[in-house]
C-alpha atoms as a PDB file:
ATOM      1  CA  UNK A   1     -97.349 -71.449 -76.591  1.00  0.00           C
ATOM      2  CA  UNK A   2     -97.831 -73.264 -79.768  1.00  0.00           C
ATOM      3  CA  UNK A   3     -94.939 -75.269 -79.457  1.00  0.00           C
ATOM      4  CA  UNK A   4     -95.849 -76.027 -75.782  1.00  0.00           C
ATOM      5  CA  UNK A   5     -99.181 -77.352 -77.194  1.00  0.00           C
ATOM      6  CA  UNK A   6     -97.465 -79.398 -79.878  1.00  0.00           C
ATOM      7  CA  UNK A   7     -94.958 -81.046 -77.202  1.00  0.00           C
ATOM      8  CA  UNK A   8     -97.998 -81.738 -74.770  1.00  0.00           C
ATOM      9  CA  UNK A   9     -99.474 -83.852 -77.835  1.00  0.00           C
ATOM     10  CA  UNK A  10     -95.954 -86.170 -77.977  1.00  0.00           C
ATOM     11  CA  UNK A  11     -96.769 -89.544 -76.135  1.00  0.00           C
ATOM     12  CA  UNK A  12     -92.841 -89.415 -75.026  1.00  0.00           C
ATOM     13  CA  UNK A  13     -93.555 -85.773 -73.157  1.00  0.00           C
ATOM     14  CA  UNK A  14     -96.776 -86.898 -71.728  1.00  0.00           C
ATOM     15  CA  UNK A  15     -94.821 -90.216 -70.445  1.00  0.00           C
ATOM     16  CA  UNK A  16     -92.266 -88.026 -68.831  1.00  0.00           C
ATOM     17  CA  UNK A  17     -94.566 -85.866 -67.270  1.00  0.00           C
ATOM     18  CA  UNK A  18     -96.500 -88.655 -65.468  1.00  0.00           C
ATOM     19  CA  UNK A  19     -93.303 -90.660 -64.317  1.00  0.00           C
ATOM     20  CA  UNK A  20     -92.393 -87.034 -62.678  1.00  0.00           C
ATOM     21  CA  UNK A  21     -95.618 -86.446 -60.871  1.00  0.00           C
ATOM     22  CA  UNK A  22     -95.175 -90.036 -60.044  1.00  0.00           C
ATOM     23  CA  UNK A  23     -92.381 -89.234 -58.522  1.00  0.00           C
ATOM     24  CA  UNK A  24     -93.077 -86.256 -56.867  1.00  0.00           C
ATOM     25  CA  UNK A  25     -95.972 -87.856 -54.927  1.00  0.00           C
ATOM     26  CA  UNK A  26     -93.745 -90.747 -53.929  1.00  0.00           C
ATOM     27  CA  UNK A  27     -91.157 -88.754 -52.551  1.00  0.00           C
ATOM     28  CA  UNK A  28     -93.788 -86.539 -50.626  1.00  0.00           C
ATOM     29  CA  UNK A  29     -96.051 -89.130 -49.418  1.00  0.00           C
ATOM     30  CA  UNK A  30     -98.562 -88.342 -51.771  1.00  0.00           C
ATOM     31  CA  UNK A  31     -98.792 -84.874 -51.334  1.00  0.00           C
ATOM     32  CA  UNK A  32     -97.780 -82.136 -53.949  1.00  0.00           C
ATOM     33  CA  UNK A  33     -98.308 -78.572 -54.059  1.00  0.00           C
ATOM     34  CA  UNK A  34     -98.472 -78.041 -57.753  1.00  0.00           C
ATOM     35  CA  UNK A  35    -101.002 -79.518 -60.362  1.00  0.00           C
ATOM     36  CA  UNK A  36     -99.915 -81.496 -63.593  1.00  0.00           C
ATOM     37  CA  UNK A  37     -99.935 -78.197 -65.629  1.00  0.00           C
ATOM     38  CA  UNK A  38     -97.081 -77.126 -63.680  1.00  0.00           C
ATOM     39  CA  UNK A  39     -95.088 -80.115 -64.457  1.00  0.00           C
ATOM     40  CA  UNK A  40     -95.861 -79.726 -68.027  1.00  0.00           C
ATOM     41  CA  UNK A  41     -94.662 -76.325 -68.182  1.00  0.00           C
ATOM     42  CA  UNK A  42     -91.399 -76.910 -65.882  1.00  0.00           C
ATOM     43  CA  UNK A  43     -90.454 -79.947 -68.461  1.00  0.00           C
ATOM     44  CA  UNK A  44     -91.087 -77.990 -70.812  1.00  0.00           C
ATOM     45  CA  UNK A  45     -88.653 -75.109 -69.996  1.00  0.00           C
ATOM     46  CA  UNK A  46     -86.237 -77.586 -69.335  1.00  0.00           C
ATOM     47  CA  UNK A  47     -86.331 -78.926 -72.569  1.00  0.00           C
ATOM     48  CA  UNK A  48     -86.104 -75.370 -74.011  1.00  0.00           C
ATOM     49  CA  UNK A  49     -82.675 -74.999 -71.985  1.00  0.00           C
ATOM     50  CA  UNK A  50     -81.197 -78.027 -73.068  1.00  0.00           C
ATOM     51  CA  UNK A  51     -81.994 -77.486 -76.479  1.00  0.00           C
ATOM     52  CA  UNK A  52     -80.139 -74.021 -76.218  1.00  0.00           C
ATOM     53  CA  UNK A  53     -77.404 -75.550 -74.572  1.00  0.00           C
ATOM     54  CA  UNK A  54     -76.841 -77.987 -77.683  1.00  0.00           C
ATOM     55  CA  UNK A  55     -77.120 -75.301 -80.330  1.00  0.00           C
ATOM     56  CA  UNK A  56     -74.568 -73.411 -78.179  1.00  0.00           C
ATOM     57  CA  UNK A  57     -72.203 -76.251 -78.181  1.00  0.00           C
ATOM     58  CA  UNK A  58     -72.701 -77.316 -82.030  1.00  0.00           C
ATOM     59  CA  UNK A  59     -72.203 -73.161 -82.975  1.00  0.00           C
ATOM     60  CA  UNK A  60     -68.833 -73.410 -80.807  1.00  0.00           C
ATOM     61  CA  UNK A  61     -67.907 -76.678 -82.429  1.00  0.00           C
ATOM     62  CA  UNK A  62     -68.250 -75.176 -86.121  1.00  0.00           C
ATOM     63  CA  UNK A  63     -66.165 -72.293 -85.024  1.00  0.00           C
END
Protein backbone atom coordinates (compact mmCIF):
# COMPACT_ATOMS: atom_id res chain seq x y z
CA UNK A 1 0.00 0.00 0.00
CA UNK A 2 2.96 2.34 0.51
CA UNK A 3 3.78 2.18 -3.18
CA UNK A 4 0.17 2.96 -4.04
CA UNK A 5 0.20 6.01 -1.77
CA UNK A 6 3.44 7.23 -3.35
CA UNK A 7 2.09 6.71 -6.88
CA UNK A 8 -1.09 8.64 -6.06
CA UNK A 9 1.07 11.68 -5.31
CA UNK A 10 2.69 11.65 -8.76
CA UNK A 11 1.35 14.24 -11.20
CA UNK A 12 1.53 11.82 -14.13
CA UNK A 13 -0.55 9.22 -12.26
CA UNK A 14 -3.17 11.74 -11.15
CA UNK A 15 -3.42 13.07 -14.71
CA UNK A 16 -3.83 9.55 -16.10
CA UNK A 17 -6.61 8.82 -13.60
CA UNK A 18 -8.41 12.07 -14.42
CA UNK A 19 -8.18 11.42 -18.16
CA UNK A 20 -9.43 7.85 -17.76
CA UNK A 21 -12.36 8.94 -15.57
CA UNK A 22 -13.28 11.61 -18.13
CA UNK A 23 -13.09 9.01 -20.91
CA UNK A 24 -15.36 6.60 -19.03
CA UNK A 25 -17.89 9.35 -18.29
CA UNK A 26 -17.81 10.39 -21.95
CA UNK A 27 -18.29 6.87 -23.30
CA UNK A 28 -21.08 6.12 -20.83
CA UNK A 29 -22.98 9.38 -21.31
CA UNK A 30 -21.78 10.80 -18.00
CA UNK A 31 -22.64 7.69 -15.98
CA UNK A 32 -20.12 5.58 -14.11
CA UNK A 33 -20.75 2.84 -11.61
CA UNK A 34 -17.36 3.33 -9.93
CA UNK A 35 -15.70 6.14 -8.04
CA UNK A 36 -12.30 7.66 -8.69
CA UNK A 37 -10.65 5.39 -6.10
CA UNK A 38 -11.64 2.38 -8.16
CA UNK A 39 -9.93 3.81 -11.24
CA UNK A 40 -6.83 4.66 -9.22
CA UNK A 41 -6.54 1.07 -8.01
CA UNK A 42 -7.16 -0.38 -11.48
CA UNK A 43 -4.53 1.82 -13.12
CA UNK A 44 -2.05 1.02 -10.34
CA UNK A 45 -2.71 -2.71 -10.84
CA UNK A 46 -2.07 -2.33 -14.55
CA UNK A 47 1.19 -0.49 -13.86
CA UNK A 48 2.34 -3.38 -11.67
CA UNK A 49 1.48 -5.90 -14.38
CA UNK A 50 3.37 -3.89 -17.01
CA UNK A 51 6.40 -3.57 -14.72
CA UNK A 52 6.36 -7.29 -14.04
CA UNK A 53 6.18 -8.12 -17.73
CA UNK A 54 9.03 -5.75 -18.51
CA UNK A 55 11.20 -7.23 -15.74
CA UNK A 56 10.51 -10.71 -17.09
CA UNK A 57 11.49 -9.58 -20.61
CA UNK A 58 14.76 -8.12 -19.30
CA UNK A 59 15.57 -11.28 -17.35
CA UNK A 60 14.91 -13.45 -20.39
CA UNK A 61 17.06 -11.19 -22.58
CA UNK A 62 19.93 -11.43 -20.09
CA UNK A 63 20.03 -15.26 -20.33
